[in-house]
Structures are given as structure tokens and as C-alpha cells.
Amino acid sequence: MSVSYPVWIYKKEGSPQSPEEMNDLTTVMRNHAENIELHFRKFSEINEQINEIKNISDLNLKGGINPNDSLDYLSTLIDGLYYASTPGIYSNGLIALEGFYTIFKKIGNEWTKALEYLLPTIPVDQNYDPESSNAQSGKAVSQAISSFVKDVIGNDSLNLYITSTKGDLLDIDDLNTTLIVSVDRYFKDVTDEVISWQWTRESGLSQEAQDADEIWKIGKTTKDLVLTPADFTSDIFEYGHTFICTALFEGNKTINGKITI
């Protein structure tokens, strides 16, 4: 409700008012009183909702139920509060409305509504607009982000990842694990596009270790690599062993990745 002020309201202090002006003043004061009452009533309603939600939250929800849950199933649930997973007609005879957050209360075999709260609505734009404050279409946002990332890192950004099934720190008495490799380009898995694989090893700084590493890499051309104690030298007690995987793509393009154990 808005308050309309008469033109004369801005008269200087001490200026006499006519009976008509006094009647106008009474109307203004009444409007103000109605406005205050309206706001107070609205505040009271909001405060009641806040207290209701607080009381509900303090009672610890038992879980959620669905419209397709049978009455027999609902009867097996312990007494307490359950939220409506989706809008619809529930077998307990209650209805969860679209656009509302609904909580049911079960005591024995009796179900009632403990809370029905109107959710705020957010306008959704069907297309991506960086200037819009509304929620954006998921597909449009995804396309926009993909385009942006593509502009930043390009199409040919390759990453090779190596993970050990038993982690990076192996028990010295159990040097068994499998190294699993994946390659992505621009966040898309392109492991299947790899033409060939080659594993190499760095087991130490001595010439003897380097010579052993050259021999070790022979035949190590699988994508994933199964490691056993035979794949580690005695230098494992002093140096971590680094296993390096090189993936070859068409066009003679390569990408490396490594893991130290």
C-alpha cells in the first residue's frame, strides 16, 4: 500500500490548516497506520515461517519418500519427519505441490504435513548471456565454457595421467602394483587415439643404473604397466624409481607422463 501526501503537507510550520486539510491529514495518518499494520503482519508471517523451519530442522529428518512408495512400505518406516522427494500424490493420501518444499510427519500409521514452504522461483534464460543475472540454460553454459577454454588452451592441449593401483608409496616388502594411464585433450579422453606406448625407467644416478634402465625398457610397450619386485633395482632403498610413459599419436605427436614410486 502506498501513501498519498496532499500538496499542502509541505506548508511551513505554524501555518494554519483548514478543516479540509485536517481531514486530509487524518487520511494520511490512517494510511500510515494501515501500512505499519501490513508490514507487521507480513513480518509476523515470515517470523513464523522461520521458526517453523528452525523447529523442523532441529527434529532431524529421517529421509525422503517418493510418490511410488507403497503404503505397506511407508508403514514400515519409523516415526519422524520425511521430505517429499518429488511433487505428486503420495500413497499416504497427501500431496506434495510443485514449487513447494514439503515435509511429512509420521506418527504410527498417521501421516500429516509438517511443512509446506513455497520455494523462490528463478527465471531461466534458454540461451547463454554473460550479461544476464538469471539462471542459464545448462547446455548453453557448457558450450560457452567449452568455447572459452578452447580459446585459452587450444585444441591440441594433451595431458597424460598415471595412477598406481596401490598408491605412490609402496611397502618395500610388497613392490607390486599396476600403473594405469589415461590421456586427454581439452578435457576429453583420447586414450583410444594413441598409436603406441613406450615405458622407460629412471632408477638411479650411476652409470650402472642407467644401463639397467636401458635394458629394462625393452618390450615395455603396453598402455598399463604391471610392476613386480623384478622391476625395481637395489637402489630402491636409496632412490625412488621414476616410471615414464610416452604416448604416440598420428602426426608423430607425443606426450609424456611420469610417476615416482
C-alpha atoms as a PDB file:
ATOM      1  CA  MET A   1       0.000   0.000   0.000  1.00  0.00           C
ATOM      2  CA  SER A   2       1.319   3.474  -0.897  1.00  0.00           C
ATOM      3  CA  VAL A   3       0.649   6.702   0.979  1.00  0.00           C
ATOM      4  CA  SER A   4      -0.552   9.750  -0.946  1.00  0.00           C
ATOM      5  CA  TYR A   5       0.504  13.024   0.537  1.00  0.00           C
ATOM      6  CA  PRO A   6      -1.648  16.107  -0.168  1.00  0.00           C
ATOM      7  CA  VAL A   7       0.075  19.084  -1.751  1.00  0.00           C
ATOM      8  CA  TRP A   8      -0.373  21.262   1.348  1.00  0.00           C
ATOM      9  CA  ILE A   9       1.623  18.838   3.532  1.00  0.00           C
ATOM     10  CA  TYR A  10       4.753  20.841   2.802  1.00  0.00           C
ATOM     11  CA  LYS A  11       3.334  24.066   4.277  1.00  0.00           C
ATOM     12  CA  LYS A  12       5.637  25.857   6.643  1.00  0.00           C
ATOM     13  CA  GLU A  13       5.454  25.038  10.333  1.00  0.00           C
ATOM     14  CA  GLY A  14       2.932  27.217  12.132  1.00  0.00           C
ATOM     15  CA  SER A  15       0.810  27.835   9.051  1.00  0.00           C
ATOM     16  CA  PRO A  16      -2.917  27.415   9.767  1.00  0.00           C
ATOM     17  CA  GLN A  17      -4.757  24.432   8.215  1.00  0.00           C
ATOM     18  CA  SER A  18      -8.295  24.434   7.016  1.00  0.00           C
ATOM     19  CA  PRO A  19     -10.814  21.764   8.127  1.00  0.00           C
ATOM     20  CA  GLU A  20     -10.382  20.131   4.708  1.00  0.00           C
ATOM     21  CA  GLU A  21      -6.637  19.989   5.221  1.00  0.00           C
ATOM     22  CA  MET A  22      -7.111  18.461   8.680  1.00  0.00           C
ATOM     23  CA  ASN A  23      -9.313  15.767   7.148  1.00  0.00           C
ATOM     24  CA  ASP A  24      -6.570  15.065   4.598  1.00  0.00           C
ATOM     25  CA  LEU A  25      -4.057  14.797   7.427  1.00  0.00           C
ATOM     26  CA  THR A  26      -6.262  12.260   9.186  1.00  0.00           C
ATOM     27  CA  THR A  27      -6.373  10.198   5.992  1.00  0.00           C
ATOM     28  CA  VAL A  28      -2.573  10.289   5.711  1.00  0.00           C
ATOM     29  CA  MET A  29      -2.169   9.124   9.307  1.00  0.00           C
ATOM     30  CA  ARG A  30      -4.690   6.340   8.781  1.00  0.00           C
ATOM     31  CA  ASN A  31      -2.798   5.214   5.670  1.00  0.00           C
ATOM     32  CA  HIS A  32       0.420   5.176   7.655  1.00  0.00           C
ATOM     33  CA  ALA A  33      -1.215   3.086  10.373  1.00  0.00           C
ATOM     34  CA  GLU A  34      -2.521   0.593   7.800  1.00  0.00           C
ATOM     35  CA  ASN A  35       0.930   0.384   6.214  1.00  0.00           C
ATOM     36  CA  ILE A  36       2.566  -0.303   9.577  1.00  0.00           C
ATOM     37  CA  GLU A  37      -0.010  -2.978  10.354  1.00  0.00           C
ATOM     38  CA  LEU A  38       0.501  -4.574   6.933  1.00  0.00           C
ATOM     39  CA  HIS A  39       4.287  -4.705   7.344  1.00  0.00           C
ATOM     40  CA  PHE A  40       3.975  -6.007  10.889  1.00  0.00           C
ATOM     41  CA  ARG A  41       1.626  -8.772   9.735  1.00  0.00           C
ATOM     42  CA  LYS A  42       3.998  -9.699   6.922  1.00  0.00           C
ATOM     43  CA  PHE A  43       6.937  -9.722   9.325  1.00  0.00           C
ATOM     44  CA  SER A  44       4.978 -11.939  11.702  1.00  0.00           C
ATOM     45  CA  GLU A  45       4.237 -14.412   8.909  1.00  0.00           C
ATOM     46  CA  ILE A  46       7.915 -14.538   7.887  1.00  0.00           C
ATOM     47  CA  ASN A  47       8.972 -14.926  11.502  1.00  0.00           C
ATOM     48  CA  GLU A  48       6.535 -17.814  11.952  1.00  0.00           C
ATOM     49  CA  GLN A  49       7.938 -19.499   8.827  1.00  0.00           C
ATOM     50  CA  ILE A  50      11.489 -19.051  10.109  1.00  0.00           C
ATOM     51  CA  ASN A  51      10.576 -20.533  13.484  1.00  0.00           C
ATOM     52  CA  GLU A  52       8.701 -23.379  11.808  1.00  0.00           C
ATOM     53  CA  ILE A  53      11.662 -24.219   9.588  1.00  0.00           C
ATOM     54  CA  LYS A  54      14.009 -23.980  12.578  1.00  0.00           C
ATOM     55  CA  ASN A  55      11.835 -26.316  14.601  1.00  0.00           C
ATOM     56  CA  ILE A  56      11.679 -28.760  11.702  1.00  0.00           C
ATOM     57  CA  SER A  57      15.448 -28.673  11.214  1.00  0.00           C
ATOM     58  CA  ASP A  58      16.004 -29.348  14.902  1.00  0.00           C
ATOM     59  CA  LEU A  59      13.987 -32.570  14.694  1.00  0.00           C
ATOM     60  CA  ASN A  60      16.377 -34.396  12.322  1.00  0.00           C
ATOM     61  CA  LEU A  61      14.808 -35.661   9.105  1.00  0.00           C
ATOM     62  CA  LYS A  62      14.669 -39.440   8.786  1.00  0.00           C
ATOM     63  CA  GLY A  63      14.910 -39.361   4.994  1.00  0.00           C
ATOM     64  CA  GLY A  64      12.825 -38.882   1.874  1.00  0.00           C
ATOM     65  CA  ILE A  65       9.881 -40.698   0.337  1.00  0.00           C
ATOM     66  CA  ASN A  66       8.562 -40.940  -3.224  1.00  0.00           C
ATOM     67  CA  PRO A  67       5.058 -40.981  -4.724  1.00  0.00           C
ATOM     68  CA  ASN A  68       5.633 -44.562  -5.895  1.00  0.00           C
ATOM     69  CA  ASP A  69       6.415 -45.821  -2.383  1.00  0.00           C
ATOM     70  CA  SER A  70       3.643 -48.191  -1.355  1.00  0.00           C
ATOM     71  CA  LEU A  71       1.576 -47.729   1.762  1.00  0.00           C
ATOM     72  CA  ASP A  72       2.946 -51.031   3.049  1.00  0.00           C
ATOM     73  CA  TYR A  73       6.466 -49.671   2.710  1.00  0.00           C
ATOM     74  CA  LEU A  74       5.565 -46.398   4.402  1.00  0.00           C
ATOM     75  CA  SER A  75       4.089 -48.323   7.326  1.00  0.00           C
ATOM     76  CA  THR A  76       7.493 -49.902   7.975  1.00  0.00           C
ATOM     77  CA  LEU A  77       9.181 -46.523   8.450  1.00  0.00           C
ATOM     78  CA  ILE A  78       9.923 -45.329  11.949  1.00  0.00           C
ATOM     79  CA  ASP A  79       8.041 -42.316  13.275  1.00  0.00           C
ATOM     80  CA  GLY A  80       9.547 -38.992  12.301  1.00  0.00           C
ATOM     81  CA  LEU A  81       9.870 -36.444   9.519  1.00  0.00           C
ATOM     82  CA  TYR A  82      10.300 -37.300   5.828  1.00  0.00           C
ATOM     83  CA  TYR A  83      10.738 -34.894   2.939  1.00  0.00           C
ATOM     84  CA  ALA A  84       8.851 -35.278  -0.334  1.00  0.00           C
ATOM     85  CA  SER A  85      11.404 -36.187  -2.980  1.00  0.00           C
ATOM     86  CA  THR A  86       9.237 -35.029  -5.887  1.00  0.00           C
ATOM     87  CA  PRO A  87       5.849 -33.355  -6.379  1.00  0.00           C
ATOM     88  CA  GLY A  88       2.921 -35.741  -6.672  1.00  0.00           C
ATOM     89  CA  ILE A  89       0.229 -37.731  -4.887  1.00  0.00           C
ATOM     90  CA  TYR A  90       1.683 -39.973  -2.190  1.00  0.00           C
ATOM     91  CA  SER A  91       0.226 -43.298  -1.052  1.00  0.00           C
ATOM     92  CA  ASN A  92      -0.261 -41.809   2.428  1.00  0.00           C
ATOM     93  CA  GLY A  93      -3.008 -39.654   0.868  1.00  0.00           C
ATOM     94  CA  LEU A  94      -1.028 -36.421   0.949  1.00  0.00           C
ATOM     95  CA  ILE A  95       0.007 -34.243  -1.978  1.00  0.00           C
ATOM     96  CA  ALA A  96       3.351 -32.517  -2.494  1.00  0.00           C
ATOM     97  CA  LEU A  97       2.751 -29.475  -4.673  1.00  0.00           C
ATOM     98  CA  GLU A  98       5.003 -28.314  -7.476  1.00  0.00           C
ATOM     99  CA  GLY A  99       7.211 -25.440  -6.348  1.00  0.00           C
ATOM    100  CA  PHE A 100       6.960 -26.257  -2.643  1.00  0.00           C
ATOM    101  CA  TYR A 101       9.362 -27.894  -0.206  1.00  0.00           C
ATOM    102  CA  THR A 102       7.179 -30.382   1.652  1.00  0.00           C
ATOM    103  CA  ILE A 103       7.895 -32.365   4.793  1.00  0.00           C
ATOM    104  CA  PHE A 104       5.587 -35.123   6.041  1.00  0.00           C
ATOM    105  CA  LYS A 105       5.277 -36.234   9.650  1.00  0.00           C
ATOM    106  CA  LYS A 106       4.585 -39.868  10.552  1.00  0.00           C
ATOM    107  CA  ILE A 107       3.205 -40.942  13.917  1.00  0.00           C
ATOM    108  CA  GLY A 108       2.086 -44.555  13.938  1.00  0.00           C
ATOM    109  CA  ASN A 109       0.117 -45.056  10.750  1.00  0.00           C
ATOM    110  CA  GLU A 110      -0.975 -41.430  10.557  1.00  0.00           C
ATOM    111  CA  TRP A 111       0.717 -39.028   8.138  1.00  0.00           C
ATOM    112  CA  THR A 112       0.370 -35.244   8.186  1.00  0.00           C
ATOM    113  CA  LYS A 113       2.109 -32.302   6.574  1.00  0.00           C
ATOM    114  CA  ALA A 114       4.677 -30.799   8.907  1.00  0.00           C
ATOM    115  CA  LEU A 115       5.871 -28.126   6.482  1.00  0.00           C
ATOM    116  CA  GLU A 116       4.921 -26.774   3.079  1.00  0.00           C
ATOM    117  CA  TYR A 117       7.260 -23.963   2.095  1.00  0.00           C
ATOM    118  CA  LEU A 118       6.966 -22.030  -1.176  1.00  0.00           C
ATOM    119  CA  LEU A 119      10.328 -22.105  -2.927  1.00  0.00           C
ATOM    120  CA  PRO A 120      11.577 -18.933  -4.609  1.00  0.00           C
ATOM    121  CA  THR A 121      11.450 -19.044  -8.391  1.00  0.00           C
ATOM    122  CA  ILE A 122      14.407 -18.097 -10.550  1.00  0.00           C
ATOM    123  CA  PRO A 123      13.906 -17.101 -14.189  1.00  0.00           C
ATOM    124  CA  VAL A 124      15.929 -19.267 -16.534  1.00  0.00           C
ATOM    125  CA  ASP A 125      17.335 -17.969 -19.811  1.00  0.00           C
ATOM    126  CA  GLN A 126      17.324 -20.565 -22.582  1.00  0.00           C
ATOM    127  CA  ASN A 127      20.444 -19.095 -24.149  1.00  0.00           C
ATOM    128  CA  TYR A 128      23.745 -18.127 -22.565  1.00  0.00           C
ATOM    129  CA  ASP A 129      24.078 -14.408 -21.935  1.00  0.00           C
ATOM    130  CA  PRO A 130      27.081 -13.305 -19.832  1.00  0.00           C
ATOM    131  CA  GLU A 131      25.267 -10.062 -19.023  1.00  0.00           C
ATOM    132  CA  SER A 132      22.200 -11.827 -17.615  1.00  0.00           C
ATOM    133  CA  SER A 133      21.807 -12.398 -13.875  1.00  0.00           C
ATOM    134  CA  ASN A 134      19.216 -15.133 -14.451  1.00  0.00           C
ATOM    135  CA  ALA A 135      19.983 -18.836 -14.339  1.00  0.00           C
ATOM    136  CA  GLN A 136      21.327 -20.008 -17.695  1.00  0.00           C
ATOM    137  CA  SER A 137      20.484 -22.974 -19.864  1.00  0.00           C
ATOM    138  CA  GLY A 138      22.863 -25.791 -18.880  1.00  0.00           C
ATOM    139  CA  LYS A 139      23.661 -26.752 -22.475  1.00  0.00           C
ATOM    140  CA  ALA A 140      24.278 -23.150 -23.477  1.00  0.00           C
ATOM    141  CA  VAL A 141      26.578 -22.585 -20.488  1.00  0.00           C
ATOM    142  CA  SER A 142      28.502 -25.775 -21.256  1.00  0.00           C
ATOM    143  CA  GLN A 143      29.004 -24.707 -24.855  1.00  0.00           C
ATOM    144  CA  ALA A 144      30.085 -21.223 -23.815  1.00  0.00           C
ATOM    145  CA  ILE A 145      32.586 -22.574 -21.276  1.00  0.00           C
ATOM    146  CA  SER A 146      33.927 -25.077 -23.824  1.00  0.00           C
ATOM    147  CA  SER A 147      34.412 -22.295 -26.323  1.00  0.00           C
ATOM    148  CA  PHE A 148      36.154 -20.135 -23.742  1.00  0.00           C
ATOM    149  CA  VAL A 149      38.528 -22.896 -22.635  1.00  0.00           C
ATOM    150  CA  LYS A 150      39.229 -23.755 -26.256  1.00  0.00           C
ATOM    151  CA  ASP A 151      40.264 -20.154 -26.900  1.00  0.00           C
ATOM    152  CA  VAL A 152      42.575 -20.218 -23.887  1.00  0.00           C
ATOM    153  CA  ILE A 153      44.347 -23.582 -24.166  1.00  0.00           C
ATOM    154  CA  GLY A 154      43.664 -24.549 -27.790  1.00  0.00           C
ATOM    155  CA  ASN A 155      42.610 -27.833 -29.357  1.00  0.00           C
ATOM    156  CA  ASP A 156      45.900 -29.667 -29.035  1.00  0.00           C
ATOM    157  CA  SER A 157      46.472 -29.470 -25.298  1.00  0.00           C
ATOM    158  CA  LEU A 158      47.339 -33.036 -24.267  1.00  0.00           C
ATOM    159  CA  ASN A 159      47.724 -34.367 -20.748  1.00  0.00           C
ATOM    160  CA  LEU A 160      48.897 -37.841 -19.737  1.00  0.00           C
ATOM    161  CA  TYR A 161      47.981 -39.135 -16.290  1.00  0.00           C
ATOM    162  CA  ILE A 162      49.476 -42.136 -14.479  1.00  0.00           C
ATOM    163  CA  THR A 163      47.966 -43.636 -11.352  1.00  0.00           C
ATOM    164  CA  SER A 164      49.180 -46.541  -9.248  1.00  0.00           C
ATOM    165  CA  THR A 165      46.600 -49.021  -8.035  1.00  0.00           C
ATOM    166  CA  LYS A 166      48.430 -49.161  -4.693  1.00  0.00           C
ATOM    167  CA  GLY A 167      49.411 -45.511  -4.486  1.00  0.00           C
ATOM    168  CA  ASP A 168      52.802 -43.834  -4.820  1.00  0.00           C
ATOM    169  CA  LEU A 169      54.244 -45.233  -1.600  1.00  0.00           C
ATOM    170  CA  LEU A 170      54.693 -48.999  -1.782  1.00  0.00           C
ATOM    171  CA  ASP A 171      55.658 -51.301   1.042  1.00  0.00           C
ATOM    172  CA  ILE A 172      59.273 -52.298   0.467  1.00  0.00           C
ATOM    173  CA  ASP A 173      58.218 -55.894   1.138  1.00  0.00           C
ATOM    174  CA  ASP A 174      55.422 -55.735  -1.428  1.00  0.00           C
ATOM    175  CA  LEU A 175      56.590 -53.993  -4.600  1.00  0.00           C
ATOM    176  CA  ASN A 176      53.574 -55.000  -6.652  1.00  0.00           C
ATOM    177  CA  THR A 177      51.251 -52.541  -8.348  1.00  0.00           C
ATOM    178  CA  THR A 178      49.769 -51.617 -11.735  1.00  0.00           C
ATOM    179  CA  LEU A 179      50.347 -48.266 -13.405  1.00  0.00           C
ATOM    180  CA  ILE A 180      47.221 -47.154 -15.263  1.00  0.00           C
ATOM    181  CA  VAL A 181      47.449 -44.485 -17.969  1.00  0.00           C
ATOM    182  CA  SER A 182      44.903 -42.115 -19.473  1.00  0.00           C
ATOM    183  CA  VAL A 183      45.325 -39.253 -21.920  1.00  0.00           C
ATOM    184  CA  ASP A 184      43.002 -36.332 -22.510  1.00  0.00           C
ATOM    185  CA  ARG A 185      42.892 -33.448 -24.924  1.00  0.00           C
ATOM    186  CA  TYR A 186      40.890 -30.413 -23.960  1.00  0.00           C
ATOM    187  CA  PHE A 187      39.287 -32.382 -21.082  1.00  0.00           C
ATOM    188  CA  LYS A 188      38.181 -35.148 -23.480  1.00  0.00           C
ATOM    189  CA  ASP A 189      39.536 -38.666 -23.062  1.00  0.00           C
ATOM    190  CA  VAL A 190      41.599 -39.536 -26.160  1.00  0.00           C
ATOM    191  CA  THR A 191      43.385 -42.605 -24.777  1.00  0.00           C
ATOM    192  CA  ASP A 192      41.984 -44.739 -27.601  1.00  0.00           C
ATOM    193  CA  GLU A 193      43.631 -42.431 -30.164  1.00  0.00           C
ATOM    194  CA  VAL A 194      47.144 -43.368 -29.006  1.00  0.00           C
ATOM    195  CA  ILE A 195      49.023 -45.353 -31.668  1.00  0.00           C
ATOM    196  CA  SER A 196      51.795 -46.770 -29.494  1.00  0.00           C
ATOM    197  CA  TRP A 197      53.170 -46.726 -25.953  1.00  0.00           C
ATOM    198  CA  GLN A 198      56.677 -46.805 -24.524  1.00  0.00           C
ATOM    199  CA  TRP A 199      57.745 -47.045 -20.902  1.00  0.00           C
ATOM    200  CA  THR A 200      61.141 -46.017 -19.573  1.00  0.00           C
ATOM    201  CA  ARG A 201      62.590 -46.035 -16.082  1.00  0.00           C
ATOM    202  CA  GLU A 202      64.937 -43.852 -14.024  1.00  0.00           C
ATOM    203  CA  SER A 203      66.214 -45.935 -11.124  1.00  0.00           C
ATOM    204  CA  GLY A 204      69.396 -44.165 -10.080  1.00  0.00           C
ATOM    205  CA  LEU A 205      72.189 -41.755 -10.923  1.00  0.00           C
ATOM    206  CA  SER A 206      75.022 -44.213 -11.542  1.00  0.00           C
ATOM    207  CA  GLN A 207      76.033 -45.419 -14.987  1.00  0.00           C
ATOM    208  CA  GLU A 208      75.161 -48.932 -13.867  1.00  0.00           C
ATOM    209  CA  ALA A 209      71.601 -47.815 -13.057  1.00  0.00           C
ATOM    210  CA  GLN A 210      71.265 -46.014 -16.397  1.00  0.00           C
ATOM    211  CA  ASP A 211      72.460 -49.099 -18.285  1.00  0.00           C
ATOM    212  CA  ALA A 212      69.970 -51.239 -16.359  1.00  0.00           C
ATOM    213  CA  ASP A 213      67.200 -48.794 -17.251  1.00  0.00           C
ATOM    214  CA  GLU A 214      68.061 -49.076 -20.969  1.00  0.00           C
ATOM    215  CA  ILE A 215      67.711 -52.842 -20.793  1.00  0.00           C
ATOM    216  CA  TRP A 216      64.564 -52.657 -18.685  1.00  0.00           C
ATOM    217  CA  LYS A 217      62.599 -50.579 -21.222  1.00  0.00           C
ATOM    218  CA  ILE A 218      62.853 -53.229 -23.932  1.00  0.00           C
ATOM    219  CA  GLY A 219      59.395 -54.643 -24.619  1.00  0.00           C
ATOM    220  CA  LYS A 220      57.648 -52.243 -22.268  1.00  0.00           C
ATOM    221  CA  THR A 221      55.085 -51.139 -24.874  1.00  0.00           C
ATOM    222  CA  THR A 222      51.716 -51.689 -23.175  1.00  0.00           C
ATOM    223  CA  LYS A 223      49.365 -48.928 -22.088  1.00  0.00           C
ATOM    224  CA  ASP A 224      49.146 -50.069 -18.495  1.00  0.00           C
ATOM    225  CA  LEU A 225      52.214 -51.462 -16.776  1.00  0.00           C
ATOM    226  CA  VAL A 226      52.204 -54.256 -14.195  1.00  0.00           C
ATOM    227  CA  LEU A 227      55.084 -53.806 -11.755  1.00  0.00           C
ATOM    228  CA  THR A 228      56.613 -56.595  -9.667  1.00  0.00           C
ATOM    229  CA  PRO A 229      59.742 -56.664  -7.472  1.00  0.00           C
ATOM    230  CA  ALA A 230      61.750 -57.543 -10.620  1.00  0.00           C
ATOM    231  CA  ASP A 231      61.057 -54.052 -11.976  1.00  0.00           C
ATOM    232  CA  PHE A 232      62.943 -52.428  -9.098  1.00  0.00           C
ATOM    233  CA  THR A 233      66.692 -52.374  -8.529  1.00  0.00           C
ATOM    234  CA  SER A 234      68.591 -52.492  -5.260  1.00  0.00           C
ATOM    235  CA  ASP A 235      68.808 -48.709  -5.471  1.00  0.00           C
ATOM    236  CA  ILE A 236      65.146 -48.557  -4.419  1.00  0.00           C
ATOM    237  CA  PHE A 237      66.438 -48.298  -0.845  1.00  0.00           C
ATOM    238  CA  GLU A 238      68.175 -45.020  -1.745  1.00  0.00           C
ATOM    239  CA  TYR A 239      66.311 -43.578  -4.730  1.00  0.00           C
ATOM    240  CA  GLY A 240      62.704 -43.538  -5.732  1.00  0.00           C
ATOM    241  CA  HIS A 241      62.139 -45.163  -9.101  1.00  0.00           C
ATOM    242  CA  THR A 242      60.525 -42.955 -11.739  1.00  0.00           C
ATOM    243  CA  PHE A 243      58.470 -44.652 -14.440  1.00  0.00           C
ATOM    244  CA  ILE A 244      57.863 -42.595 -17.586  1.00  0.00           C
ATOM    245  CA  CYS A 245      55.201 -43.308 -20.183  1.00  0.00           C
ATOM    246  CA  THR A 246      55.330 -41.836 -23.706  1.00  0.00           C
ATOM    247  CA  ALA A 247      52.219 -41.929 -25.892  1.00  0.00           C
ATOM    248  CA  LEU A 248      52.475 -41.517 -29.660  1.00  0.00           C
ATOM    249  CA  PHE A 249      49.666 -40.027 -31.770  1.00  0.00           C
ATOM    250  CA  GLU A 250      49.192 -39.664 -35.507  1.00  0.00           C
ATOM    251  CA  GLY A 251      51.364 -36.931 -36.954  1.00  0.00           C
ATOM    252  CA  ASN A 252      54.273 -38.073 -34.771  1.00  0.00           C
ATOM    253  CA  LYS A 253      52.915 -36.086 -31.831  1.00  0.00           C
ATOM    254  CA  THR A 254      53.956 -37.383 -28.399  1.00  0.00           C
ATOM    255  CA  ILE A 255      53.012 -36.712 -24.791  1.00  0.00           C
ATOM    256  CA  ASN A 256      54.869 -37.868 -21.676  1.00  0.00           C
ATOM    257  CA  GLY A 257      53.836 -38.521 -18.114  1.00  0.00           C
ATOM    258  CA  LYS A 258      55.673 -39.909 -15.118  1.00  0.00           C
ATOM    259  CA  ILE A 259      55.199 -41.246 -11.613  1.00  0.00           C
ATOM    260  CA  THR A 260      57.791 -41.778  -8.896  1.00  0.00           C
ATOM    261  CA  ILE A 261      57.487 -44.699  -6.525  1.00  0.00           C
END
